[in-house]
Amino acid sequence: MNKDQKTEAIEVLKERVGKYENFYITDASRLTVQDINKFRRICFHKGIKFEVVKNTLLRKAFEAHGDKYEKLFDILHGPTAVMFSESSNDPAKIIKQFRKENAKERPVLKGAYVASDVFLGDESIDALINLKSKEELIGEIIGLLQSPVKNVISALQSSGNKLAGIVKTLSEKPE
């Protein structure tokens, strides 16, 4: 790789790192070509960009964004692949599902950057799976906000029916 190619690769990585607020850094080494192609296909169908990168180029792309990604520098050694995603938890789900279905211990999660939080190590994969996406959180909040309103409306409607029944009974009652 000559200097111009490296510069171009750094620019592409810098752009992707800036564009996606969620990315996972993994080690997919020791997977067969067939397994890595299968994993790439799964990522593609979920809208996740998966690419093997050089650690030095990724570090330079991180450095271009200031000290925002400094906590990830220590995991940039050995074989590295990055999964760029719009979803905060889809990459973790894919990794876990792939390992389960294929009886593999790879890919291993080295670290993740999810909405400005850093997760380090493969042991944080379960925590990442349980993260809710922005849309899920908004849906839950809307549901919680609608619930009291529905209860009030329903109480008013049932009370109105009861009140109408009481008025009717009282009006029919002989004096």
N, C-alpha and C. Protein backbone atom coordinates (compact mmCIF):
# COMPACT_ATOMS: atom_id res chain seq x y z
N MET A 1 0.86 -1.17 0.00
CA MET A 1 0.00 0.00 0.00
C MET A 1 0.90 1.24 0.00
N ASN A 2 0.75 2.07 -1.02
CA ASN A 2 1.59 3.27 -1.08
C ASN A 2 0.96 4.40 -0.25
N LYS A 3 1.66 5.50 -0.17
CA LYS A 3 1.25 6.62 0.69
C LYS A 3 -0.12 7.18 0.29
N ASP A 4 -0.38 7.31 -1.02
CA ASP A 4 -1.66 7.85 -1.49
C ASP A 4 -2.82 6.92 -1.11
N GLN A 5 -2.60 5.62 -1.24
CA GLN A 5 -3.63 4.64 -0.87
C GLN A 5 -3.92 4.69 0.63
N LYS A 6 -2.86 4.83 1.42
CA LYS A 6 -3.03 4.92 2.88
C LYS A 6 -3.81 6.18 3.25
N THR A 7 -3.46 7.29 2.62
CA THR A 7 -4.15 8.56 2.88
C THR A 7 -5.63 8.44 2.52
N GLU A 8 -5.91 7.81 1.38
CA GLU A 8 -7.29 7.62 0.95
C GLU A 8 -8.04 6.70 1.93
N ALA A 9 -7.39 5.63 2.37
CA ALA A 9 -8.02 4.70 3.32
C ALA A 9 -8.31 5.39 4.65
N ILE A 10 -7.41 6.23 5.09
CA ILE A 10 -7.61 6.98 6.34
C ILE A 10 -8.80 7.92 6.19
N GLU A 11 -8.90 8.60 5.04
CA GLU A 11 -10.02 9.51 4.79
C GLU A 11 -11.36 8.78 4.80
N VAL A 12 -11.39 7.60 4.17
CA VAL A 12 -12.63 6.81 4.14
C VAL A 12 -13.00 6.39 5.56
N LEU A 13 -12.03 5.90 6.31
CA LEU A 13 -12.29 5.48 7.70
C LEU A 13 -12.72 6.67 8.56
N LYS A 14 -12.04 7.80 8.38
CA LYS A 14 -12.38 9.01 9.14
C LYS A 14 -13.82 9.42 8.88
N GLU A 15 -14.22 9.34 7.62
CA GLU A 15 -15.60 9.70 7.23
C GLU A 15 -16.61 8.74 7.88
N ARG A 16 -16.31 7.44 7.82
CA ARG A 16 -17.23 6.44 8.40
C ARG A 16 -17.32 6.58 9.92
N VAL A 17 -16.19 6.78 10.56
CA VAL A 17 -16.18 6.94 12.02
C VAL A 17 -17.00 8.17 12.41
N GLY A 18 -16.91 9.23 11.63
CA GLY A 18 -17.69 10.43 11.90
C GLY A 18 -19.17 10.27 11.59
N LYS A 19 -19.49 9.44 10.59
CA LYS A 19 -20.87 9.26 10.16
C LYS A 19 -21.66 8.36 11.10
N TYR A 20 -21.06 7.27 11.55
CA TYR A 20 -21.76 6.29 12.39
C TYR A 20 -21.48 6.56 13.86
N GLU A 21 -22.53 6.60 14.65
CA GLU A 21 -22.32 6.78 16.09
C GLU A 21 -22.19 5.44 16.80
N ASN A 22 -22.31 4.34 16.05
CA ASN A 22 -22.14 3.00 16.61
C ASN A 22 -21.18 2.20 15.73
N PHE A 23 -20.10 1.71 16.33
CA PHE A 23 -19.25 0.78 15.61
C PHE A 23 -18.59 -0.17 16.59
N TYR A 24 -18.38 -1.37 16.11
CA TYR A 24 -17.80 -2.44 16.91
C TYR A 24 -16.45 -2.83 16.31
N ILE A 25 -15.46 -3.02 17.16
CA ILE A 25 -14.14 -3.44 16.72
C ILE A 25 -14.00 -4.91 17.13
N THR A 26 -13.74 -5.76 16.14
CA THR A 26 -13.73 -7.20 16.39
C THR A 26 -12.44 -7.85 15.88
N ASP A 27 -12.26 -9.08 16.29
CA ASP A 27 -11.18 -9.93 15.78
C ASP A 27 -11.84 -11.15 15.16
N ALA A 28 -11.84 -11.21 13.83
CA ALA A 28 -12.47 -12.32 13.12
C ALA A 28 -11.41 -13.25 12.54
N SER A 29 -10.19 -13.17 13.05
CA SER A 29 -9.13 -14.03 12.52
C SER A 29 -9.44 -15.48 12.89
N ARG A 30 -8.80 -16.37 12.21
CA ARG A 30 -8.96 -17.81 12.38
C ARG A 30 -10.31 -18.34 11.92
N LEU A 31 -11.14 -17.49 11.31
CA LEU A 31 -12.35 -17.99 10.67
C LEU A 31 -11.98 -18.41 9.25
N THR A 32 -12.62 -19.44 8.76
CA THR A 32 -12.35 -19.87 7.39
C THR A 32 -12.93 -18.84 6.42
N VAL A 33 -12.51 -18.90 5.19
CA VAL A 33 -13.02 -17.99 4.17
C VAL A 33 -14.54 -18.15 4.06
N GLN A 34 -15.00 -19.39 4.11
CA GLN A 34 -16.43 -19.66 4.03
C GLN A 34 -17.18 -19.01 5.20
N ASP A 35 -16.62 -19.12 6.41
CA ASP A 35 -17.26 -18.53 7.59
C ASP A 35 -17.26 -17.01 7.53
N ILE A 36 -16.16 -16.43 7.11
CA ILE A 36 -16.08 -14.96 7.06
C ILE A 36 -17.03 -14.42 6.00
N ASN A 37 -17.17 -15.14 4.88
CA ASN A 37 -18.12 -14.71 3.85
C ASN A 37 -19.56 -14.82 4.35
N LYS A 38 -19.84 -15.86 5.10
CA LYS A 38 -21.17 -16.04 5.69
C LYS A 38 -21.46 -14.89 6.67
N PHE A 39 -20.46 -14.55 7.48
CA PHE A 39 -20.60 -13.46 8.45
C PHE A 39 -20.81 -12.13 7.73
N ARG A 40 -20.05 -11.88 6.69
CA ARG A 40 -20.20 -10.65 5.90
C ARG A 40 -21.61 -10.55 5.30
N ARG A 41 -22.11 -11.68 4.80
CA ARG A 41 -23.45 -11.72 4.21
C ARG A 41 -24.51 -11.35 5.24
N ILE A 42 -24.39 -11.89 6.44
CA ILE A 42 -25.34 -11.57 7.52
C ILE A 42 -25.28 -10.08 7.82
N CYS A 43 -24.07 -9.54 7.92
CA CYS A 43 -23.91 -8.10 8.19
C CYS A 43 -24.54 -7.28 7.08
N PHE A 44 -24.30 -7.66 5.83
CA PHE A 44 -24.83 -6.92 4.69
C PHE A 44 -26.36 -6.87 4.75
N HIS A 45 -27.00 -8.02 5.05
CA HIS A 45 -28.46 -8.08 5.10
C HIS A 45 -29.04 -7.25 6.25
N LYS A 46 -28.25 -7.03 7.29
CA LYS A 46 -28.70 -6.21 8.42
C LYS A 46 -28.31 -4.74 8.26
N GLY A 47 -27.66 -4.40 7.15
CA GLY A 47 -27.27 -3.01 6.91
C GLY A 47 -26.03 -2.58 7.68
N ILE A 48 -25.18 -3.53 8.00
CA ILE A 48 -23.96 -3.25 8.76
C ILE A 48 -22.76 -3.35 7.82
N LYS A 49 -21.92 -2.33 7.86
CA LYS A 49 -20.71 -2.35 7.04
C LYS A 49 -19.61 -3.07 7.83
N PHE A 50 -19.08 -4.14 7.28
CA PHE A 50 -18.02 -4.93 7.92
C PHE A 50 -16.78 -4.85 7.06
N GLU A 51 -15.67 -4.41 7.65
CA GLU A 51 -14.44 -4.37 6.88
C GLU A 51 -13.22 -4.59 7.77
N VAL A 52 -12.27 -5.31 7.21
CA VAL A 52 -11.00 -5.56 7.88
C VAL A 52 -10.14 -4.33 7.65
N VAL A 53 -9.50 -3.86 8.72
CA VAL A 53 -8.70 -2.63 8.62
C VAL A 53 -7.34 -2.81 9.27
N LYS A 54 -6.43 -1.95 8.88
CA LYS A 54 -5.12 -1.91 9.53
C LYS A 54 -5.26 -1.04 10.78
N ASN A 55 -4.66 -1.50 11.86
CA ASN A 55 -4.77 -0.79 13.13
C ASN A 55 -4.22 0.63 13.06
N THR A 56 -3.09 0.81 12.38
CA THR A 56 -2.49 2.14 12.31
C THR A 56 -3.39 3.11 11.54
N LEU A 57 -4.04 2.62 10.49
CA LEU A 57 -4.92 3.49 9.71
C LEU A 57 -6.17 3.86 10.51
N LEU A 58 -6.71 2.87 11.23
CA LEU A 58 -7.88 3.14 12.06
C LEU A 58 -7.53 4.12 13.19
N ARG A 59 -6.36 3.95 13.77
CA ARG A 59 -5.93 4.86 14.84
C ARG A 59 -5.80 6.29 14.31
N LYS A 60 -5.24 6.45 13.12
CA LYS A 60 -5.11 7.79 12.53
C LYS A 60 -6.48 8.39 12.24
N ALA A 61 -7.43 7.56 11.82
CA ALA A 61 -8.80 8.04 11.58
C ALA A 61 -9.41 8.48 12.90
N PHE A 62 -9.17 7.72 13.98
CA PHE A 62 -9.67 8.11 15.31
C PHE A 62 -9.03 9.42 15.76
N GLU A 63 -7.73 9.54 15.58
CA GLU A 63 -7.00 10.73 16.02
C GLU A 63 -7.49 11.98 15.30
N ALA A 64 -7.96 11.83 14.09
CA ALA A 64 -8.47 12.98 13.32
C ALA A 64 -9.71 13.58 13.97
N HIS A 65 -10.37 12.83 14.84
CA HIS A 65 -11.56 13.31 15.55
C HIS A 65 -11.24 13.79 16.96
N GLY A 66 -9.97 14.03 17.24
CA GLY A 66 -9.58 14.50 18.57
C GLY A 66 -9.43 13.34 19.53
N ASP A 67 -9.66 13.60 20.82
CA ASP A 67 -9.47 12.56 21.83
C ASP A 67 -10.75 11.78 22.14
N LYS A 68 -11.73 11.93 21.30
CA LYS A 68 -13.04 11.29 21.47
C LYS A 68 -12.93 9.76 21.55
N TYR A 69 -12.02 9.17 20.78
CA TYR A 69 -11.90 7.71 20.70
C TYR A 69 -10.63 7.19 21.38
N GLU A 70 -10.02 8.00 22.23
CA GLU A 70 -8.75 7.65 22.85
C GLU A 70 -8.80 6.34 23.65
N LYS A 71 -9.94 6.04 24.26
CA LYS A 71 -10.06 4.82 25.06
C LYS A 71 -9.96 3.56 24.20
N LEU A 72 -10.16 3.69 22.91
CA LEU A 72 -10.11 2.53 22.01
C LEU A 72 -8.70 2.23 21.50
N PHE A 73 -7.75 3.13 21.73
CA PHE A 73 -6.41 2.94 21.20
C PHE A 73 -5.76 1.65 21.71
N ASP A 74 -5.99 1.29 22.96
CA ASP A 74 -5.33 0.12 23.55
C ASP A 74 -5.77 -1.20 22.93
N ILE A 75 -6.92 -1.24 22.29
CA ILE A 75 -7.39 -2.50 21.70
C ILE A 75 -6.97 -2.64 20.24
N LEU A 76 -6.29 -1.65 19.71
CA LEU A 76 -5.88 -1.69 18.31
C LEU A 76 -4.56 -2.44 18.15
N HIS A 77 -4.65 -3.75 18.28
CA HIS A 77 -3.50 -4.63 18.04
C HIS A 77 -4.04 -5.96 17.53
N GLY A 78 -3.23 -6.65 16.80
CA GLY A 78 -3.67 -7.91 16.22
C GLY A 78 -4.65 -7.68 15.08
N PRO A 79 -5.24 -8.76 14.56
CA PRO A 79 -6.20 -8.63 13.46
C PRO A 79 -7.43 -7.82 13.90
N THR A 80 -7.84 -6.88 13.08
CA THR A 80 -8.95 -6.00 13.44
C THR A 80 -9.92 -5.83 12.28
N ALA A 81 -11.19 -5.93 12.62
CA ALA A 81 -12.27 -5.65 11.66
C ALA A 81 -13.25 -4.72 12.36
N VAL A 82 -13.89 -3.86 11.59
CA VAL A 82 -14.83 -2.90 12.16
C VAL A 82 -16.21 -3.13 11.56
N MET A 83 -17.21 -3.06 12.44
CA MET A 83 -18.61 -3.18 12.02
C MET A 83 -19.27 -1.83 12.28
N PHE A 84 -19.62 -1.12 11.21
CA PHE A 84 -20.29 0.17 11.32
C PHE A 84 -21.79 -0.05 11.22
N SER A 85 -22.56 0.52 12.16
CA SER A 85 -23.99 0.25 12.19
C SER A 85 -24.80 1.45 12.65
N GLU A 86 -26.00 1.56 12.12
CA GLU A 86 -26.95 2.57 12.60
C GLU A 86 -27.57 2.13 13.93
N SER A 87 -27.68 0.83 14.11
CA SER A 87 -28.28 0.26 15.31
C SER A 87 -27.21 0.06 16.38
N SER A 88 -27.60 0.28 17.62
CA SER A 88 -26.64 0.14 18.70
C SER A 88 -26.41 -1.31 19.10
N ASN A 89 -27.39 -2.19 18.89
CA ASN A 89 -27.23 -3.55 19.38
C ASN A 89 -27.23 -4.63 18.31
N ASP A 90 -27.54 -4.32 17.08
CA ASP A 90 -27.55 -5.34 16.03
C ASP A 90 -26.20 -6.04 15.84
N PRO A 91 -25.07 -5.33 15.83
CA PRO A 91 -23.79 -6.04 15.67
C PRO A 91 -23.54 -7.05 16.80
N ALA A 92 -23.88 -6.70 18.02
CA ALA A 92 -23.68 -7.62 19.15
C ALA A 92 -24.56 -8.86 18.98
N LYS A 93 -25.79 -8.65 18.55
CA LYS A 93 -26.70 -9.78 18.32
C LYS A 93 -26.16 -10.69 17.21
N ILE A 94 -25.64 -10.10 16.15
CA ILE A 94 -25.11 -10.88 15.03
C ILE A 94 -23.90 -11.70 15.48
N ILE A 95 -23.00 -11.08 16.23
CA ILE A 95 -21.81 -11.79 16.70
C ILE A 95 -22.22 -12.99 17.56
N LYS A 96 -23.09 -12.74 18.52
CA LYS A 96 -23.51 -13.83 19.43
C LYS A 96 -24.24 -14.93 18.66
N GLN A 97 -25.15 -14.56 17.77
CA GLN A 97 -25.91 -15.54 17.00
C GLN A 97 -24.97 -16.35 16.10
N PHE A 98 -24.02 -15.68 15.46
CA PHE A 98 -23.09 -16.37 14.57
C PHE A 98 -22.26 -17.39 15.34
N ARG A 99 -21.77 -16.99 16.49
CA ARG A 99 -20.96 -17.91 17.30
C ARG A 99 -21.80 -19.10 17.76
N LYS A 100 -23.05 -18.86 18.12
CA LYS A 100 -23.92 -19.93 18.60
C LYS A 100 -24.26 -20.91 17.47
N GLU A 101 -24.65 -20.38 16.32
CA GLU A 101 -25.06 -21.23 15.20
C GLU A 101 -23.91 -22.01 14.57
N ASN A 102 -22.72 -21.46 14.63
CA ASN A 102 -21.58 -22.09 13.96
C ASN A 102 -20.58 -22.73 14.91
N ALA A 103 -20.91 -22.75 16.20
CA ALA A 103 -20.03 -23.34 17.22
C ALA A 103 -18.61 -22.80 17.11
N LYS A 104 -18.51 -21.50 17.00
CA LYS A 104 -17.20 -20.83 16.88
C LYS A 104 -17.02 -19.89 18.08
N GLU A 105 -15.77 -19.58 18.37
CA GLU A 105 -15.53 -18.58 19.41
C GLU A 105 -15.21 -17.22 18.79
N ARG A 106 -15.24 -17.16 17.48
CA ARG A 106 -14.97 -15.93 16.75
C ARG A 106 -16.20 -15.50 15.98
N PRO A 107 -16.37 -14.27 15.66
CA PRO A 107 -15.52 -13.12 15.97
C PRO A 107 -15.61 -12.73 17.44
N VAL A 108 -14.49 -12.23 17.92
CA VAL A 108 -14.39 -11.78 19.31
C VAL A 108 -14.54 -10.26 19.32
N LEU A 109 -15.33 -9.78 20.26
CA LEU A 109 -15.49 -8.34 20.40
C LEU A 109 -14.31 -7.76 21.16
N LYS A 110 -13.58 -6.86 20.52
CA LYS A 110 -12.47 -6.18 21.18
C LYS A 110 -13.00 -4.95 21.93
N GLY A 111 -13.93 -4.26 21.28
CA GLY A 111 -14.49 -3.06 21.89
C GLY A 111 -15.58 -2.49 21.01
N ALA A 112 -16.35 -1.58 21.58
CA ALA A 112 -17.43 -0.96 20.82
C ALA A 112 -17.57 0.48 21.25
N TYR A 113 -17.98 1.29 20.31
CA TYR A 113 -18.30 2.70 20.57
C TYR A 113 -19.77 2.86 20.22
N VAL A 114 -20.59 3.05 21.23
CA VAL A 114 -22.04 3.13 21.04
C VAL A 114 -22.54 4.44 21.62
N ALA A 115 -22.96 5.33 20.74
CA ALA A 115 -23.54 6.62 21.14
C ALA A 115 -22.71 7.31 22.22
N SER A 116 -21.44 7.46 21.95
CA SER A 116 -20.45 8.13 22.80
C SER A 116 -20.04 7.36 24.06
N ASP A 117 -20.46 6.11 24.20
CA ASP A 117 -20.00 5.25 25.29
C ASP A 117 -19.05 4.20 24.73
N VAL A 118 -18.03 3.87 25.51
CA VAL A 118 -17.05 2.88 25.08
C VAL A 118 -17.23 1.61 25.90
N PHE A 119 -17.29 0.48 25.21
CA PHE A 119 -17.38 -0.83 25.84
C PHE A 119 -16.14 -1.61 25.42
N LEU A 120 -15.40 -2.14 26.39
CA LEU A 120 -14.18 -2.86 26.07
C LEU A 120 -14.31 -4.33 26.45
N GLY A 121 -13.84 -5.19 25.58
CA GLY A 121 -13.78 -6.62 25.87
C GLY A 121 -15.02 -7.39 25.45
N ASP A 122 -14.80 -8.69 25.23
CA ASP A 122 -15.86 -9.58 24.77
C ASP A 122 -16.92 -9.81 25.85
N GLU A 123 -16.56 -9.61 27.11
CA GLU A 123 -17.52 -9.83 28.19
C GLU A 123 -18.65 -8.79 28.20
N SER A 124 -18.50 -7.72 27.47
CA SER A 124 -19.56 -6.69 27.43
C SER A 124 -20.57 -6.95 26.31
N ILE A 125 -20.46 -8.08 25.63
CA ILE A 125 -21.37 -8.35 24.52
C ILE A 125 -22.82 -8.50 24.99
N ASP A 126 -23.04 -9.13 26.15
CA ASP A 126 -24.41 -9.29 26.65
C ASP A 126 -25.02 -7.94 27.02
N ALA A 127 -24.22 -7.06 27.59
CA ALA A 127 -24.71 -5.71 27.92
C ALA A 127 -25.08 -4.96 26.64
N LEU A 128 -24.29 -5.13 25.59
CA LEU A 128 -24.57 -4.46 24.32
C LEU A 128 -25.83 -5.01 23.66
N ILE A 129 -26.06 -6.31 23.79
CA ILE A 129 -27.27 -6.91 23.22
C ILE A 129 -28.51 -6.32 23.87
N ASN A 130 -28.43 -6.06 25.17
CA ASN A 130 -29.59 -5.56 25.91
C ASN A 130 -29.82 -4.06 25.75
N LEU A 131 -28.91 -3.36 25.08
CA LEU A 131 -29.12 -1.93 24.83
C LEU A 131 -30.32 -1.74 23.92
N LYS A 132 -31.09 -0.73 24.20
CA LYS A 132 -32.24 -0.44 23.35
C LYS A 132 -31.86 0.64 22.35
N SER A 133 -32.42 0.51 21.18
CA SER A 133 -32.16 1.51 20.15
C SER A 133 -32.92 2.79 20.48
N LYS A 134 -32.56 3.84 19.81
CA LYS A 134 -33.21 5.14 20.01
C LYS A 134 -34.71 5.03 19.74
N GLU A 135 -35.07 4.32 18.67
CA GLU A 135 -36.48 4.17 18.31
C GLU A 135 -37.24 3.38 19.38
N GLU A 136 -36.61 2.32 19.92
CA GLU A 136 -37.26 1.53 20.98
C GLU A 136 -37.50 2.38 22.23
N LEU A 137 -36.52 3.18 22.58
CA LEU A 137 -36.67 4.05 23.76
C LEU A 137 -37.76 5.08 23.56
N ILE A 138 -37.81 5.68 22.39
CA ILE A 138 -38.85 6.67 22.10
C ILE A 138 -40.22 6.01 22.15
N GLY A 139 -40.34 4.81 21.58
CA GLY A 139 -41.60 4.07 21.62
C GLY A 139 -42.04 3.78 23.04
N GLU A 140 -41.11 3.38 23.89
CA GLU A 140 -41.45 3.10 25.29
C GLU A 140 -41.92 4.37 26.01
N ILE A 141 -41.23 5.48 25.76
CA ILE A 141 -41.60 6.74 26.41
C ILE A 141 -42.99 7.18 25.96
N ILE A 142 -43.26 7.06 24.67
CA ILE A 142 -44.59 7.43 24.16
C ILE A 142 -45.65 6.54 24.78
N GLY A 143 -45.36 5.23 24.87
CA GLY A 143 -46.30 4.31 25.51
C GLY A 143 -46.57 4.66 26.95
N LEU A 144 -45.51 5.04 27.67
CA LEU A 144 -45.67 5.43 29.08
C LEU A 144 -46.47 6.72 29.22
N LEU A 145 -46.23 7.65 28.30
CA LEU A 145 -46.96 8.91 28.36
C LEU A 145 -48.42 8.74 27.98
N GLN A 146 -48.71 7.83 27.06
CA GLN A 146 -50.08 7.60 26.63
C GLN A 146 -50.89 6.84 27.68
N SER A 147 -50.23 6.01 28.45
CA SER A 147 -50.92 5.15 29.40
C SER A 147 -51.78 5.93 30.41
N PRO A 148 -51.24 6.96 31.11
CA PRO A 148 -52.08 7.71 32.04
C PRO A 148 -53.26 8.42 31.35
N VAL A 149 -53.03 8.92 30.15
CA VAL A 149 -54.09 9.61 29.42
C VAL A 149 -55.20 8.62 29.09
N LYS A 150 -54.83 7.43 28.64
CA LYS A 150 -55.83 6.40 28.33
C LYS A 150 -56.63 6.03 29.58
N ASN A 151 -55.93 5.93 30.71
CA ASN A 151 -56.62 5.58 31.96
C ASN A 151 -57.62 6.66 32.37
N VAL A 152 -57.24 7.92 32.21
CA VAL A 152 -58.14 9.03 32.57
C VAL A 152 -59.35 9.02 31.64
N ILE A 153 -59.13 8.87 30.35
CA ILE A 153 -60.23 8.86 29.38
C ILE A 153 -61.16 7.69 29.67
N SER A 154 -60.60 6.55 29.90
CA SER A 154 -61.42 5.37 30.18
C SER A 154 -62.20 5.54 31.48
N ALA A 155 -61.59 6.14 32.51
CA ALA A 155 -62.30 6.37 33.77
C ALA A 155 -63.44 7.37 33.56
N LEU A 156 -63.18 8.40 32.77
CA LEU A 156 -64.22 9.39 32.50
C LEU A 156 -65.37 8.76 31.71
N GLN A 157 -65.05 7.93 30.74
CA GLN A 157 -66.10 7.28 29.95
C GLN A 157 -66.92 6.33 30.82
N SER A 158 -66.27 5.54 31.63
CA SER A 158 -67.02 4.61 32.47
C SER A 158 -67.79 5.36 33.55
N SER A 159 -67.21 6.42 34.07
CA SER A 159 -67.92 7.22 35.07
C SER A 159 -69.11 7.91 34.44
N GLY A 160 -68.93 8.36 33.20
CA GLY A 160 -70.04 9.00 32.49
C GLY A 160 -71.19 8.03 32.32
N ASN A 161 -70.89 6.80 31.97
CA ASN A 161 -71.93 5.78 31.82
C ASN A 161 -72.62 5.51 33.16
N LYS A 162 -71.83 5.44 34.23
CA LYS A 162 -72.38 5.20 35.55
C LYS A 162 -73.26 6.37 35.97
N LEU A 163 -72.76 7.57 35.71
CA LEU A 163 -73.51 8.77 36.08
C LEU A 163 -74.82 8.83 35.31
N ALA A 164 -74.77 8.50 34.03
CA ALA A 164 -75.98 8.49 33.21
C ALA A 164 -76.96 7.45 33.75
N GLY A 165 -76.46 6.30 34.16
CA GLY A 165 -77.31 5.25 34.72
C GLY A 165 -77.95 5.67 36.02
N ILE A 166 -77.18 6.36 36.86
CA ILE A 166 -77.72 6.83 38.14
C ILE A 166 -78.80 7.88 37.91
N VAL A 167 -78.52 8.80 37.00
CA VAL A 167 -79.51 9.86 36.68
C VAL A 167 -80.79 9.23 36.13
N LYS A 168 -80.64 8.25 35.25
CA LYS A 168 -81.80 7.59 34.67
C LYS A 168 -82.60 6.86 35.75
N THR A 169 -81.91 6.15 36.63
CA THR A 169 -82.58 5.44 37.71
C THR A 169 -83.30 6.40 38.64
N LEU A 170 -82.67 7.50 38.96
CA LEU A 170 -83.29 8.49 39.84
C LEU A 170 -84.50 9.13 39.17
N SER A 171 -84.42 9.37 37.87
CA SER A 171 -85.54 10.00 37.19
C SER A 171 -86.73 9.04 37.04
N GLU A 172 -86.48 7.77 36.97
CA GLU A 172 -87.55 6.80 36.85
C GLU A 172 -88.15 6.43 38.19
N LYS A 173 -87.49 6.75 39.22
CA LYS A 173 -87.93 6.40 40.57
C LYS A 173 -89.14 7.26 40.96
N PRO A 174 -90.21 6.61 41.40
CA PRO A 174 -91.36 7.42 41.81
C PRO A 174 -91.03 8.18 43.09
N GLU A 175 -91.62 9.33 43.22
CA GLU A 175 -91.34 10.16 44.39
C GLU A 175 -92.19 9.88 45.52
